[in-house]
Amino acid sequence: MNASRWEADFSQAPAKERPLEVHIDDETPEPESPVEPVSWPAAEATPAAAPRAHENPATRVQRGSASGLTAPGVAVIVLAASALGAVIDSIVRSDLGPFFAVLFIASSVYAATQVRRRDLLAAVIVPPLVFLTILGVHELVSPTGRSRALIDLVGDLVSTLALNAPTLWIGTGAAAVIVFVRHRRHR
């Protein structure tokens, strides 16, 4: 099929059925007339793009633009604050104490209030995991002079967990209550 016949066939076609003109190299001449914008009939508009009748278009929230902490963000906040508290307590009193407890609880509450809606569950799951991680690392690096056999480490970890259980309960419980309230409020 020659070029003039091809042009004649498609010049009569509606604009949305015409092939796109692509110029790959500089030797191809530019078209003489500018490309006309394609106007789509209103019936082809997607219903999701149009605002709903009961909804103000100015107050619509776009998907994917949710602000707040993500699940990894919760882990970073709680881990950083708890590690800072553990380091301060290790320097001051060589054991986990009030600085660790306050920073763990405060960071758990903060993360639960700032986490984005679709990651609410992370605000309840991450703090106990961080708590256990901090206790495990503390037991590994603390200069207690005890044997570092695996059975001793497990025993030390369990006893430290039992001694610091109120901190874990308060931090996780407060985060769970906040997450529950936020979930119920946005239903």
Foldseek 3Di string as FASTA:
>chain_A
DDDVVVCVVQVPPALVPHDDDDDDDPVDDDDPDDRDDHDDDPVPDDPVVDDDPVDDPVPDDDPPPFFFAALVRLLVQLLVQLLVQQVVCCVPPNGRDDSNLVSNQVSLLVNLVGHTLVRNVSSQPNSVVSVLVSLLVSLVPRPPVDDPDPVVSVVSSVVSCVVCVVSVCNSNVSSVVSSVVVVVVVD
